[in-house]
Amino acid sequence: MSMIQILVAMMPILLPLIFLVVLRMPAKKGMFLTFVIFLLLAFGVWGMGGDIITASILQGVHKSVTILWILFGAILLLKVMTHTGGVDIIKRGFSSVTKDMRVQAVIVGAFFVALIEGAAGFGTPAAVAGPFLVALGFNPLAAASIALIGDSSPVSFGAVGTPIIVGLGNIPGASPEFFDLIGRTVTRMDLITATLLPTMIIMILTKFFGKEKSFKAAFEILPWSVLVGASYAGSAVLYSTFLGAEFVSILASLTGLVVSCFTAKKGILIPKNCEWKTESAAENEVEVKTKTLKKNNTSGGKVTFNENGTITLSESVSAKDIFSAWMPYVAVVMMLLVTRIVLPVKTFVLTHADFSWRNILGEGVTSKWQILYSPGTVLAIASLIALLSLKGDGKALKKATKETLDSVKNASVALCFTLAVVQIFSNSANSAVGIGMPNYLANILSSVFQGSWLGIAPFLGELGAFITGSATVSTLTFSPIQYQVANSVGINPTVVLAQQVIGGAAGNMICIHNVVAAAAVVGLTGQEGNIIRKTLPAAMFYAVVVGLLGFVVNGVL
């Protein structure tokens, strides 16, 4: 194997890290340079033909449109909620549960994210939760980082078990019983990391965004964060054991939500009279003038106009107002579940308004987009529900739409270049080398690290998710190699495949197009490298722990 070919295959990994993380370029510039360099190398060194490269670029652009549609729906929902007063009502309602932003970060960034992941997947959770956290007063960088880190453990099961059922569908002997076995193994191997996920979120929050910039504030609330993490991880083991892989994310997230909200409300294992805030939120607590808001103030209470331009309700809101404000988000979860679980509805949305592009340029590559099935459509509908439930008007919708289009436009260029690189990489088997770059890299790793493969397997899963942007695609691509290596060196294949699934899920924290999307929805387009620097340590920790556990579990099984 040629050293030059190894370097070419690693370019989609090395170049984004150099440009975005080391040189701190905005993704628009960094991914453009990555695209140009990688395109030339794929053509000149790897021997990909012009037709397959062009088809891959068009496939990447089409896939970008599908993601931009999801971003449009997510941002539109937030903007409508903002301009109709819904965000302020939700924020006030949250304060009745807890004013501690560490607790809020876990409730929204871990369990609400997990619920959306279980219902939709496809990068939707960070796009929805990121703006939500900003609305609650979190620094945009903190919001994006928390949402991405939280969208990790539940990704192993994703929407109705897709990463396992689809991702492992090409393994010999794949069957419902096999998928359930992998699901049970995943929840057991993920027991420690999933339990610690809320703690990781709080540690990132206090270290990088707290006034003291230390872990001390995280340790203060450690018993609570471990308890609620264990409620998710432990219940996931039970659900995978008795119900199978399809509903683990949905049911475990609901369990985590109930336990975290109940314990926060009752102050269980939370320091008394503690209302920890991020540094930016603390600075924004200033004296302000108070006026009476007549329009869009369904509670009839006072409204505080803050110096930073936000609006805060100064009196408690009624249960009816809180219900009206939460209705759009409840509608999102319900619509996602119905379109994915109720078979007649699922069939309808998958077969009507199909904007998929199949066999692009006759090269056998396809980009799917069933627009009625897309989470973007669900979010757009929820925006209209928000407008109605919160008694908004056309002016609010027009303003929200304009702001949304501006945000989406800023992310579009970076996404197109990112997805073009991904598709050239994924379609590289059609070349003079005769093997695709993903398999080429995996074969190199397996030949070098066979003796310690249990420690490497989760990192291969993360690598696949980092490049392709999908835990399912990572597992679909690398699981045959993981299976082959396990059998050749005498490792239990179930353990290695479970590590691949978990690694692919953890890679969701750092994959480029998820980061670009998360940055866009919180207004941080151009700061993607800063986000990766916050999420990368958590992703590496995740893979190290799962790698070490692999040796333990393999010895037991």
Protein backbone atom coordinates (compact mmCIF):
# COMPACT_ATOMS: atom_id res chain seq x y z
CA MET A 1 0.00 0.00 0.00
CA SER A 2 1.28 3.43 -0.97
CA MET A 3 1.97 6.11 1.62
CA ILE A 4 0.58 8.66 -0.85
CA GLN A 5 -2.68 6.75 -1.10
CA ILE A 6 -2.89 6.56 2.69
CA LEU A 7 -2.49 10.33 2.92
CA VAL A 8 -5.12 10.92 0.22
CA ALA A 9 -7.61 8.67 2.04
CA MET A 10 -6.95 10.59 5.27
CA MET A 11 -7.44 14.04 3.73
CA PRO A 12 -11.18 14.29 4.65
CA ILE A 13 -10.06 13.84 8.26
CA LEU A 14 -6.84 15.84 8.37
CA LEU A 15 -7.80 18.86 6.29
CA PRO A 16 -10.94 19.85 8.28
CA LEU A 17 -9.02 19.43 11.54
CA ILE A 18 -6.17 21.61 10.25
CA PHE A 19 -8.33 24.30 8.70
CA LEU A 20 -11.19 24.46 11.23
CA VAL A 21 -9.62 23.44 14.53
CA VAL A 22 -5.93 24.38 14.25
CA LEU A 23 -6.10 27.40 11.92
CA ARG A 24 -9.59 28.37 13.16
CA MET A 25 -10.98 29.10 9.72
CA PRO A 26 -14.75 29.41 9.31
CA ALA A 27 -16.25 26.25 7.79
CA LYS A 28 -17.19 28.11 4.61
CA LYS A 29 -13.52 28.80 3.84
CA GLY A 30 -12.00 25.70 5.45
CA MET A 31 -14.34 23.23 3.75
CA PHE A 32 -13.93 25.02 0.39
CA LEU A 33 -10.16 24.50 0.61
CA THR A 34 -10.71 20.90 1.74
CA PHE A 35 -13.03 20.33 -1.22
CA VAL A 36 -10.60 21.75 -3.80
CA ILE A 37 -7.56 19.86 -2.48
CA PHE A 38 -9.44 16.59 -2.02
CA LEU A 39 -11.09 16.80 -5.45
CA LEU A 40 -7.71 17.21 -7.15
CA LEU A 41 -6.21 14.32 -5.16
CA ALA A 42 -9.22 12.05 -5.80
CA PHE A 43 -8.90 12.68 -9.51
CA GLY A 44 -5.12 12.79 -9.88
CA VAL A 45 -3.95 10.24 -7.29
CA TRP A 46 -6.90 7.96 -6.48
CA GLY A 47 -7.93 7.79 -10.13
CA MET A 48 -11.61 8.64 -9.79
CA GLY A 49 -13.21 9.52 -13.11
CA GLY A 50 -14.70 12.91 -13.87
CA ASP A 51 -18.24 11.51 -14.15
CA ILE A 52 -18.28 9.85 -10.72
CA ILE A 53 -16.70 12.94 -9.12
CA THR A 54 -19.29 15.21 -10.73
CA ALA A 55 -22.11 12.86 -9.70
CA SER A 56 -20.75 12.82 -6.15
CA ILE A 57 -20.65 16.62 -6.02
CA LEU A 58 -24.25 16.83 -7.26
CA GLN A 59 -25.24 14.18 -4.72
CA GLY A 60 -23.58 16.24 -1.98
CA VAL A 61 -25.37 19.42 -3.03
CA HIS A 62 -28.72 17.61 -3.09
CA LYS A 63 -28.08 16.15 0.38
CA SER A 64 -27.18 19.65 1.57
CA VAL A 65 -30.60 20.89 0.47
CA THR A 66 -32.27 18.17 2.54
CA ILE A 67 -30.31 19.27 5.62
CA LEU A 68 -30.93 22.96 4.95
CA TRP A 69 -34.65 22.20 4.88
CA ILE A 70 -34.37 20.73 8.39
CA LEU A 71 -32.43 23.80 9.52
CA PHE A 72 -35.06 26.05 7.99
CA GLY A 73 -37.84 24.32 9.93
CA ALA A 74 -35.90 24.34 13.21
CA ILE A 75 -34.92 28.00 13.01
CA LEU A 76 -38.37 29.07 11.81
CA LEU A 77 -40.00 27.38 14.79
CA LEU A 78 -37.68 29.19 17.19
CA LYS A 79 -38.17 32.58 15.48
CA VAL A 80 -41.97 32.23 15.49
CA MET A 81 -41.87 31.22 19.15
CA THR A 82 -39.67 34.22 19.89
CA HIS A 83 -41.80 36.79 18.09
CA THR A 84 -45.06 35.50 19.56
CA GLY A 85 -43.82 35.38 23.18
CA GLY A 86 -43.75 31.58 23.40
CA VAL A 87 -40.07 31.40 24.26
CA ASP A 88 -40.57 33.75 27.22
CA ILE A 89 -43.46 31.68 28.53
CA ILE A 90 -41.39 28.47 28.29
CA LYS A 91 -38.46 30.18 29.97
CA ARG A 92 -40.75 31.28 32.82
CA GLY A 93 -42.14 27.77 33.08
CA PHE A 94 -38.64 26.33 33.27
CA SER A 95 -37.85 28.68 36.11
CA SER A 96 -40.65 27.10 38.13
CA VAL A 97 -38.84 23.75 37.78
CA THR A 98 -35.30 25.06 38.24
CA LYS A 99 -33.34 28.25 37.75
CA ASP A 100 -30.06 26.34 37.82
CA MET A 101 -28.61 26.38 34.31
CA ARG A 102 -26.63 23.20 34.96
CA VAL A 103 -29.90 21.37 35.48
CA GLN A 104 -31.54 23.07 32.50
CA ALA A 105 -28.58 22.02 30.33
CA VAL A 106 -29.16 18.37 31.23
CA ILE A 107 -32.95 18.42 30.88
CA VAL A 108 -32.79 20.03 27.43
CA GLY A 109 -29.30 19.05 26.21
CA ALA A 110 -29.45 15.38 27.23
CA PHE A 111 -33.03 14.19 27.57
CA PHE A 112 -35.01 16.50 25.27
CA VAL A 113 -32.28 15.89 22.69
CA ALA A 114 -32.59 12.13 23.22
CA LEU A 115 -36.36 12.33 22.75
CA ILE A 116 -35.99 14.14 19.42
CA GLU A 117 -33.27 11.67 18.38
CA GLY A 118 -35.55 8.77 19.13
CA ALA A 119 -38.34 10.34 17.12
CA ALA A 120 -36.42 11.72 14.15
CA GLY A 121 -32.64 11.34 14.10
CA PHE A 122 -30.86 12.74 11.01
CA GLY A 123 -29.16 15.55 12.93
CA THR A 124 -32.50 17.05 13.97
CA PRO A 125 -31.91 17.11 17.78
CA ALA A 126 -29.06 19.62 17.82
CA ALA A 127 -30.90 21.81 15.33
CA VAL A 128 -33.93 21.94 17.63
CA ALA A 129 -32.26 21.97 21.05
CA GLY A 130 -29.48 24.45 20.24
CA PRO A 131 -31.81 27.41 19.64
CA PHE A 132 -33.95 26.27 22.57
CA LEU A 133 -30.95 26.55 24.90
CA VAL A 134 -30.09 29.98 23.50
CA ALA A 135 -33.65 31.06 24.24
CA LEU A 136 -33.17 29.91 27.84
CA GLY A 137 -30.21 32.27 28.15
CA PHE A 138 -27.25 30.03 27.26
CA ASN A 139 -24.27 31.38 25.39
CA PRO A 140 -24.66 30.28 21.71
CA LEU A 141 -21.34 28.41 21.81
CA ALA A 142 -22.43 26.62 24.98
CA ALA A 143 -25.82 25.81 23.44
CA ALA A 144 -24.33 24.27 20.30
CA SER A 145 -21.71 22.29 22.24
CA ILE A 146 -24.21 20.95 24.77
CA ALA A 147 -26.71 19.92 22.09
CA LEU A 148 -24.02 18.06 20.11
CA ILE A 149 -22.58 16.27 23.15
CA GLY A 150 -26.07 15.29 24.30
CA ASP A 151 -26.87 13.86 20.89
CA SER A 152 -24.53 10.90 21.31
CA SER A 153 -25.70 8.01 23.48
CA PRO A 154 -29.27 7.97 22.07
CA VAL A 155 -27.87 7.92 18.53
CA SER A 156 -26.92 4.25 18.99
CA PHE A 157 -30.61 3.51 18.55
CA GLY A 158 -31.61 6.67 16.70
CA ALA A 159 -35.05 6.82 15.16
CA VAL A 160 -36.74 3.45 15.80
CA GLY A 161 -33.45 1.54 15.92
CA THR A 162 -32.20 2.62 12.49
CA PRO A 163 -28.42 2.66 13.24
CA ILE A 164 -28.62 -0.97 14.36
CA ILE A 165 -31.31 -2.39 12.07
CA VAL A 166 -30.09 -0.66 8.91
CA GLY A 167 -26.45 -0.20 9.85
CA LEU A 168 -25.91 -3.89 10.60
CA GLY A 169 -28.18 -5.15 7.83
CA ASN A 170 -25.27 -6.42 5.71
CA ILE A 171 -23.74 -8.64 8.43
CA PRO A 172 -24.08 -12.41 7.79
CA GLY A 173 -26.94 -13.83 9.79
CA ALA A 174 -28.57 -10.46 10.36
CA SER A 175 -32.08 -10.98 11.77
CA PRO A 176 -34.44 -9.42 14.32
CA GLU A 177 -32.93 -11.65 16.99
CA PHE A 178 -29.42 -10.55 15.99
CA PHE A 179 -30.41 -6.86 16.13
CA ASP A 180 -31.93 -7.32 19.58
CA LEU A 181 -28.72 -9.05 20.76
CA ILE A 182 -26.60 -6.14 19.54
CA GLY A 183 -29.04 -3.69 21.14
CA ARG A 184 -28.76 -5.41 24.51
CA THR A 185 -24.97 -5.46 24.24
CA VAL A 186 -24.89 -1.78 23.31
CA THR A 187 -26.90 -0.69 26.35
CA ARG A 188 -24.72 -2.77 28.68
CA MET A 189 -21.46 -1.49 27.21
CA ASP A 190 -22.82 2.06 27.17
CA LEU A 191 -24.01 1.87 30.77
CA ILE A 192 -21.09 3.86 32.19
CA THR A 193 -20.76 6.44 29.43
CA ALA A 194 -24.52 7.05 29.17
CA THR A 195 -24.68 7.44 32.95
CA LEU A 196 -21.85 9.97 32.83
CA LEU A 197 -23.22 11.91 29.85
CA PRO A 198 -25.13 14.49 31.96
CA THR A 199 -22.00 14.96 34.06
CA MET A 200 -19.91 15.51 30.91
CA ILE A 201 -22.37 18.16 29.75
CA ILE A 202 -22.20 19.97 33.10
CA MET A 203 -18.39 19.76 33.21
CA ILE A 204 -18.08 21.32 29.74
CA LEU A 205 -20.57 24.00 30.81
CA THR A 206 -18.82 24.94 34.05
CA LYS A 207 -15.26 24.68 32.73
CA PHE A 208 -15.69 26.73 29.58
CA PHE A 209 -18.71 28.91 30.29
CA GLY A 210 -18.86 29.40 34.06
CA LYS A 211 -17.58 32.49 35.80
CA GLU A 212 -14.90 30.52 37.67
CA LYS A 213 -13.92 28.38 34.63
CA SER A 214 -13.52 25.24 36.77
CA PHE A 215 -15.08 21.85 37.41
CA LYS A 216 -15.95 22.75 41.01
CA ALA A 217 -19.52 23.72 40.17
CA ALA A 218 -19.94 20.41 38.32
CA PHE A 219 -18.85 18.40 41.35
CA GLU A 220 -21.42 20.25 43.49
CA ILE A 221 -24.21 18.67 41.52
CA LEU A 222 -22.49 15.34 40.74
CA PRO A 223 -24.87 13.12 42.76
CA TRP A 224 -27.85 14.50 40.84
CA SER A 225 -26.22 14.26 37.40
CA VAL A 226 -25.18 10.65 38.05
CA LEU A 227 -28.67 9.77 39.30
CA VAL A 228 -30.47 11.13 36.24
CA GLY A 229 -27.84 9.66 33.91
CA ALA A 230 -28.32 6.27 35.53
CA SER A 231 -32.10 6.59 35.11
CA TYR A 232 -31.56 6.88 31.33
CA ALA A 233 -28.82 4.26 31.04
CA GLY A 234 -30.46 1.74 33.38
CA SER A 235 -33.87 2.05 31.78
CA ALA A 236 -32.26 1.65 28.34
CA VAL A 237 -30.93 -1.75 29.46
CA LEU A 238 -34.43 -2.80 30.53
CA TYR A 239 -36.13 -1.53 27.36
CA SER A 240 -33.58 -3.20 25.08
CA THR A 241 -33.96 -6.46 27.02
CA PHE A 242 -37.74 -6.67 26.98
CA LEU A 243 -38.85 -4.52 24.01
CA GLY A 244 -36.01 -4.67 21.48
CA ALA A 245 -34.00 -1.95 19.74
CA GLU A 246 -36.74 0.16 18.14
CA PHE A 247 -37.96 2.18 21.11
CA VAL A 248 -34.95 2.45 23.40
CA SER A 249 -34.17 6.11 22.65
CA ILE A 250 -37.80 7.22 22.95
CA LEU A 251 -38.63 5.39 26.18
CA ALA A 252 -35.28 5.90 27.92
CA SER A 253 -35.36 9.63 27.13
CA LEU A 254 -38.86 9.93 28.55
CA THR A 255 -37.66 8.13 31.67
CA GLY A 256 -34.72 10.52 31.96
CA LEU A 257 -36.98 13.54 31.42
CA VAL A 258 -39.43 12.49 34.11
CA VAL A 259 -36.73 11.67 36.66
CA SER A 260 -34.69 14.84 35.98
CA CYS A 261 -37.69 17.17 36.09
CA PHE A 262 -39.15 15.53 39.22
CA THR A 263 -35.87 15.55 41.14
CA ALA A 264 -35.10 19.13 40.03
CA LYS A 265 -38.52 20.34 41.11
CA LYS A 266 -38.18 18.64 44.49
CA GLY A 267 -34.54 19.66 44.93
CA ILE A 268 -33.41 16.05 45.33
CA LEU A 269 -29.57 15.81 45.44
CA ILE A 270 -29.33 19.45 44.34
CA PRO A 271 -27.67 22.03 46.63
CA LYS A 272 -30.28 24.16 48.35
CA ASN A 273 -30.76 27.78 47.27
CA CYS A 274 -28.40 27.20 44.35
CA GLU A 275 -29.15 28.98 41.09
CA TRP A 276 -25.90 28.55 39.13
CA LYS A 277 -25.69 30.56 35.91
CA THR A 278 -23.24 30.78 33.06
CA GLU A 279 -20.92 33.79 33.01
CA SER A 280 -22.80 35.43 30.12
CA ALA A 281 -26.20 34.88 31.75
CA ALA A 282 -24.98 36.38 35.02
CA GLU A 283 -23.67 39.45 33.19
CA ASN A 284 -27.03 39.94 31.50
CA GLU A 285 -28.85 40.30 34.81
CA VAL A 286 -29.15 44.07 34.78
CA GLU A 287 -31.70 46.53 36.06
CA VAL A 288 -34.23 47.28 33.36
CA LYS A 289 -37.30 49.32 32.75
CA THR A 290 -40.61 47.49 32.97
CA LYS A 291 -43.53 48.12 30.68
CA THR A 292 -46.90 46.52 30.23
CA LEU A 293 -47.13 44.38 27.10
CA LYS A 294 -50.59 44.26 25.60
CA LYS A 295 -49.92 42.48 22.34
CA ASN A 296 -48.89 38.81 22.48
CA ASN A 297 -49.08 38.84 26.28
CA THR A 298 -51.70 36.21 26.89
CA SER A 299 -50.99 36.11 30.62
CA GLY A 300 -51.87 39.75 31.16
CA GLY A 301 -48.75 40.21 33.25
CA LYS A 302 -45.83 42.59 33.14
CA VAL A 303 -43.02 42.23 30.63
CA THR A 304 -39.38 43.17 31.21
CA PHE A 305 -37.54 44.74 28.28
CA ASN A 306 -33.89 43.86 28.88
CA GLU A 307 -30.94 45.96 27.77
CA ASN A 308 -29.66 43.07 25.63
CA GLY A 309 -32.87 43.17 23.57
CA THR A 310 -34.63 40.15 25.06
CA ILE A 311 -38.06 40.18 26.69
CA THR A 312 -38.81 38.42 29.96
CA LEU A 313 -42.17 37.92 31.63
CA SER A 314 -42.06 39.40 35.10
CA GLU A 315 -45.05 37.55 36.47
CA SER A 316 -45.95 33.88 36.53
CA VAL A 317 -47.92 32.53 33.61
CA SER A 318 -50.91 30.25 33.73
CA ALA A 319 -50.95 26.55 32.95
CA LYS A 320 -52.95 27.37 29.82
CA ASP A 321 -50.22 29.70 28.56
CA ILE A 322 -47.52 27.11 29.26
CA PHE A 323 -49.55 24.48 27.40
CA SER A 324 -49.97 26.82 24.41
CA ALA A 325 -46.23 27.52 24.35
CA TRP A 326 -45.24 23.85 24.58
CA MET A 327 -47.86 22.68 22.08
CA PRO A 328 -45.62 23.14 19.00
CA TYR A 329 -42.87 20.98 20.51
CA VAL A 330 -45.36 18.33 21.60
CA ALA A 331 -46.70 18.42 18.04
CA VAL A 332 -43.17 17.90 16.67
CA VAL A 333 -42.66 14.74 18.72
CA MET A 334 -46.13 13.38 17.93
CA MET A 335 -45.86 14.04 14.18
CA LEU A 336 -42.42 12.46 14.04
CA LEU A 337 -43.63 9.37 15.87
CA VAL A 338 -46.77 8.99 13.75
CA THR A 339 -44.89 9.34 10.45
CA ARG A 340 -42.36 6.73 11.53
CA ILE A 341 -44.43 4.19 13.45
CA VAL A 342 -47.96 4.20 11.98
CA LEU A 343 -47.41 2.14 8.82
CA PRO A 344 -50.13 3.63 6.55
CA VAL A 345 -48.98 7.17 7.38
CA LYS A 346 -45.34 6.21 6.92
CA THR A 347 -46.09 4.66 3.54
CA PHE A 348 -47.97 7.78 2.44
CA VAL A 349 -45.25 10.27 3.41
CA LEU A 350 -42.55 8.10 1.85
CA THR A 351 -44.31 7.71 -1.50
CA HIS A 352 -45.75 11.19 -2.05
CA ALA A 353 -43.79 14.36 -2.84
CA ASP A 354 -40.64 12.34 -3.46
CA PHE A 355 -37.83 14.73 -4.44
CA SER A 356 -35.12 12.06 -4.42
CA TRP A 357 -32.43 12.14 -7.13
CA ARG A 358 -31.68 8.60 -8.24
CA ASN A 359 -28.84 7.24 -10.38
CA ILE A 360 -27.24 10.67 -10.78
CA LEU A 361 -25.53 10.97 -14.19
CA GLY A 362 -25.99 7.23 -14.58
CA GLU A 363 -23.28 6.56 -11.97
CA GLY A 364 -25.51 4.62 -9.58
CA VAL A 365 -25.43 7.19 -6.77
CA THR A 366 -28.64 8.41 -5.17
CA SER A 367 -29.71 11.13 -2.75
CA LYS A 368 -33.07 10.56 -1.10
CA TRP A 369 -35.49 13.30 -0.08
CA GLN A 370 -39.07 12.36 0.71
CA ILE A 371 -40.07 15.87 1.74
CA LEU A 372 -43.21 14.87 3.68
CA TYR A 373 -41.09 12.44 5.73
CA SER A 374 -38.42 15.07 6.41
CA PRO A 375 -38.20 16.49 9.95
CA GLY A 376 -37.94 19.88 8.24
CA THR A 377 -41.55 19.62 7.08
CA VAL A 378 -42.67 18.59 10.57
CA LEU A 379 -40.87 21.58 12.07
CA ALA A 380 -42.35 23.96 9.49
CA ILE A 381 -45.85 22.69 10.32
CA ALA A 382 -45.07 23.11 14.02
CA SER A 383 -44.15 26.73 13.30
CA LEU A 384 -47.67 27.32 11.98
CA ILE A 385 -49.10 25.58 15.03
CA ALA A 386 -47.02 27.93 17.21
CA LEU A 387 -48.37 30.93 15.32
CA LEU A 388 -51.94 29.79 15.96
CA SER A 389 -51.55 28.59 19.55
CA LEU A 390 -49.77 31.79 20.59
CA LYS A 391 -52.09 34.06 18.59
CA GLY A 392 -49.38 35.45 16.34
CA ASP A 393 -50.03 37.39 13.15
CA GLY A 394 -48.71 37.61 9.61
CA LYS A 395 -46.19 40.26 10.60
CA ALA A 396 -44.57 37.90 13.11
CA LEU A 397 -44.42 35.10 10.52
CA LYS A 398 -42.93 37.40 7.89
CA LYS A 399 -40.23 38.61 10.27
CA ALA A 400 -39.47 35.07 11.44
CA THR A 401 -39.20 33.81 7.85
CA LYS A 402 -36.81 36.58 6.84
CA GLU A 403 -34.53 35.96 9.81
CA THR A 404 -34.63 32.21 9.13
CA LEU A 405 -33.66 32.58 5.48
CA ASP A 406 -30.71 34.76 6.46
CA SER A 407 -29.47 32.10 8.89
CA VAL A 408 -29.91 29.22 6.45
CA LYS A 409 -28.16 31.16 3.69
CA ASN A 410 -25.09 31.57 5.87
CA ALA A 411 -24.79 27.80 6.38
CA SER A 412 -25.55 26.69 2.82
CA VAL A 413 -22.10 27.18 1.27
CA ALA A 414 -20.24 25.30 4.02
CA LEU A 415 -22.73 22.44 3.92
CA CYS A 416 -22.47 22.04 0.14
CA PHE A 417 -18.67 21.78 0.22
CA THR A 418 -18.78 19.48 3.25
CA LEU A 419 -21.25 17.05 1.72
CA ALA A 420 -19.44 17.11 -1.64
CA VAL A 421 -16.26 15.94 0.15
CA VAL A 422 -18.23 13.25 1.99
CA GLN A 423 -19.77 11.86 -1.19
CA ILE A 424 -16.50 11.85 -3.15
CA PHE A 425 -14.96 9.94 -0.24
CA SER A 426 -17.89 7.52 -0.01
CA ASN A 427 -18.05 6.84 -3.78
CA SER A 428 -14.30 6.41 -4.23
CA ALA A 429 -14.49 2.65 -4.91
CA ASN A 430 -15.22 3.58 -8.54
CA SER A 431 -11.58 4.40 -9.26
CA ALA A 432 -8.25 3.16 -10.59
CA VAL A 433 -7.27 1.99 -7.09
CA GLY A 434 -10.26 -0.35 -7.10
CA ILE A 435 -11.17 0.07 -3.43
CA GLY A 436 -13.05 2.81 -1.65
CA MET A 437 -11.19 5.12 0.73
CA PRO A 438 -13.32 4.13 3.76
CA ASN A 439 -12.48 0.43 3.36
CA TYR A 440 -8.88 1.28 2.52
CA LEU A 441 -8.44 3.17 5.80
CA ALA A 442 -10.26 0.48 7.78
CA ASN A 443 -8.04 -2.25 6.32
CA ILE A 444 -4.92 -0.28 7.27
CA LEU A 445 -6.13 0.17 10.83
CA SER A 446 -7.08 -3.50 11.17
CA SER A 447 -3.69 -4.66 9.89
CA VAL A 448 -1.82 -2.42 12.34
CA PHE A 449 -3.99 -2.80 15.46
CA GLN A 450 -5.33 -6.36 15.27
CA GLY A 451 -3.81 -7.28 18.63
CA SER A 452 -5.61 -4.45 20.40
CA TRP A 453 -8.66 -4.16 18.21
CA LEU A 454 -11.12 -3.89 21.08
CA GLY A 455 -9.50 -0.58 21.98
CA ILE A 456 -9.61 0.65 18.37
CA ALA A 457 -13.09 -0.47 17.26
CA PRO A 458 -15.04 2.49 18.79
CA PHE A 459 -12.59 4.96 17.24
CA LEU A 460 -13.27 3.48 13.79
CA GLY A 461 -16.98 4.05 14.42
CA GLU A 462 -16.27 7.66 15.41
CA LEU A 463 -14.06 8.13 12.37
CA GLY A 464 -16.86 6.98 10.09
CA ALA A 465 -19.38 9.33 11.69
CA PHE A 466 -16.92 12.25 11.63
CA ILE A 467 -16.43 11.90 7.87
CA THR A 468 -19.87 10.79 6.69
CA GLY A 469 -21.96 12.68 9.25
CA SER A 470 -24.10 9.64 10.02
CA ALA A 471 -23.83 6.91 12.65
CA THR A 472 -25.92 4.65 10.42
CA VAL A 473 -23.66 5.16 7.39
CA SER A 474 -20.58 4.68 9.58
CA THR A 475 -21.88 1.31 10.77
CA LEU A 476 -23.13 0.32 7.32
CA THR A 477 -19.66 1.07 5.90
CA PHE A 478 -17.38 -0.29 8.59
CA SER A 479 -19.35 -3.09 10.28
CA PRO A 480 -18.31 -5.76 7.70
CA ILE A 481 -14.65 -4.93 8.40
CA GLN A 482 -15.25 -4.92 12.16
CA TYR A 483 -16.95 -8.31 11.83
CA GLN A 484 -14.10 -9.70 9.70
CA VAL A 485 -11.38 -8.51 12.08
CA ALA A 486 -13.22 -9.87 15.12
CA ASN A 487 -13.47 -13.33 13.58
CA SER A 488 -9.87 -13.33 12.35
CA VAL A 489 -8.35 -12.47 15.77
CA GLY A 490 -10.77 -14.47 17.91
CA ILE A 491 -12.82 -11.64 19.41
CA ASN A 492 -16.55 -11.97 20.06
CA PRO A 493 -18.12 -10.21 17.00
CA THR A 494 -21.09 -9.06 19.09
CA VAL A 495 -18.81 -6.97 21.28
CA VAL A 496 -16.96 -5.37 18.37
CA LEU A 497 -20.16 -4.58 16.46
CA ALA A 498 -21.63 -3.02 19.60
CA GLN A 499 -18.49 -0.89 19.89
CA GLN A 500 -18.90 0.17 16.26
CA VAL A 501 -22.48 1.27 16.92
CA ILE A 502 -21.53 3.20 20.06
CA GLY A 503 -18.51 4.77 18.36
CA GLY A 504 -20.66 5.91 15.44
CA ALA A 505 -23.06 7.50 17.92
CA ALA A 506 -20.27 9.30 19.81
CA GLY A 507 -18.87 10.56 16.51
CA ASN A 508 -22.08 12.51 16.10
CA MET A 509 -20.59 15.11 18.49
CA ILE A 510 -17.85 16.09 16.05
CA CYS A 511 -19.05 15.29 12.51
CA ILE A 512 -18.56 18.33 10.32
CA HIS A 513 -22.02 18.81 8.82
CA ASN A 514 -23.71 18.40 12.22
CA VAL A 515 -21.37 21.04 13.62
CA VAL A 516 -22.07 23.36 10.66
CA ALA A 517 -25.80 22.90 11.22
CA ALA A 518 -25.57 23.43 14.98
CA ALA A 519 -23.51 26.58 14.44
CA ALA A 520 -26.02 27.94 11.94
CA VAL A 521 -29.09 27.55 14.15
CA VAL A 522 -27.50 29.38 17.09
CA GLY A 523 -26.02 32.15 14.94
CA LEU A 524 -22.37 31.02 15.07
CA THR A 525 -21.69 30.39 11.40
CA GLY A 526 -17.94 30.70 10.98
CA GLN A 527 -17.08 29.41 14.48
CA GLU A 528 -17.36 25.70 13.75
CA GLY A 529 -13.78 25.06 14.87
CA ASN A 530 -14.53 26.53 18.30
CA ILE A 531 -17.44 24.13 18.68
CA ILE A 532 -15.32 21.10 17.72
CA ARG A 533 -12.69 22.09 20.27
CA LYS A 534 -15.39 21.87 22.95
CA THR A 535 -16.92 18.57 21.81
CA LEU A 536 -13.78 16.67 20.77
CA PRO A 537 -12.59 15.85 24.34
CA ALA A 538 -15.99 14.38 25.17
CA ALA A 539 -15.97 12.28 21.98
CA MET A 540 -12.46 10.97 22.70
CA PHE A 541 -13.34 10.17 26.32
CA TYR A 542 -16.40 8.27 25.11
CA ALA A 543 -14.36 6.10 22.73
CA VAL A 544 -11.62 5.42 25.29
CA VAL A 545 -14.10 4.21 27.92
CA VAL A 546 -16.00 2.01 25.47
CA GLY A 547 -12.69 0.62 24.19
CA LEU A 548 -11.57 -0.34 27.70
CA LEU A 549 -14.97 -1.85 28.47
CA GLY A 550 -14.65 -3.95 25.33
CA PHE A 551 -11.82 -5.96 26.92
CA VAL A 552 -13.93 -6.54 30.04
CA VAL A 553 -17.13 -7.52 28.22
CA ASN A 554 -15.27 -9.74 25.74
CA GLY A 555 -13.75 -11.62 28.67
CA VAL A 556 -17.19 -12.12 30.23
CA LEU A 557 -18.92 -13.19 27.01
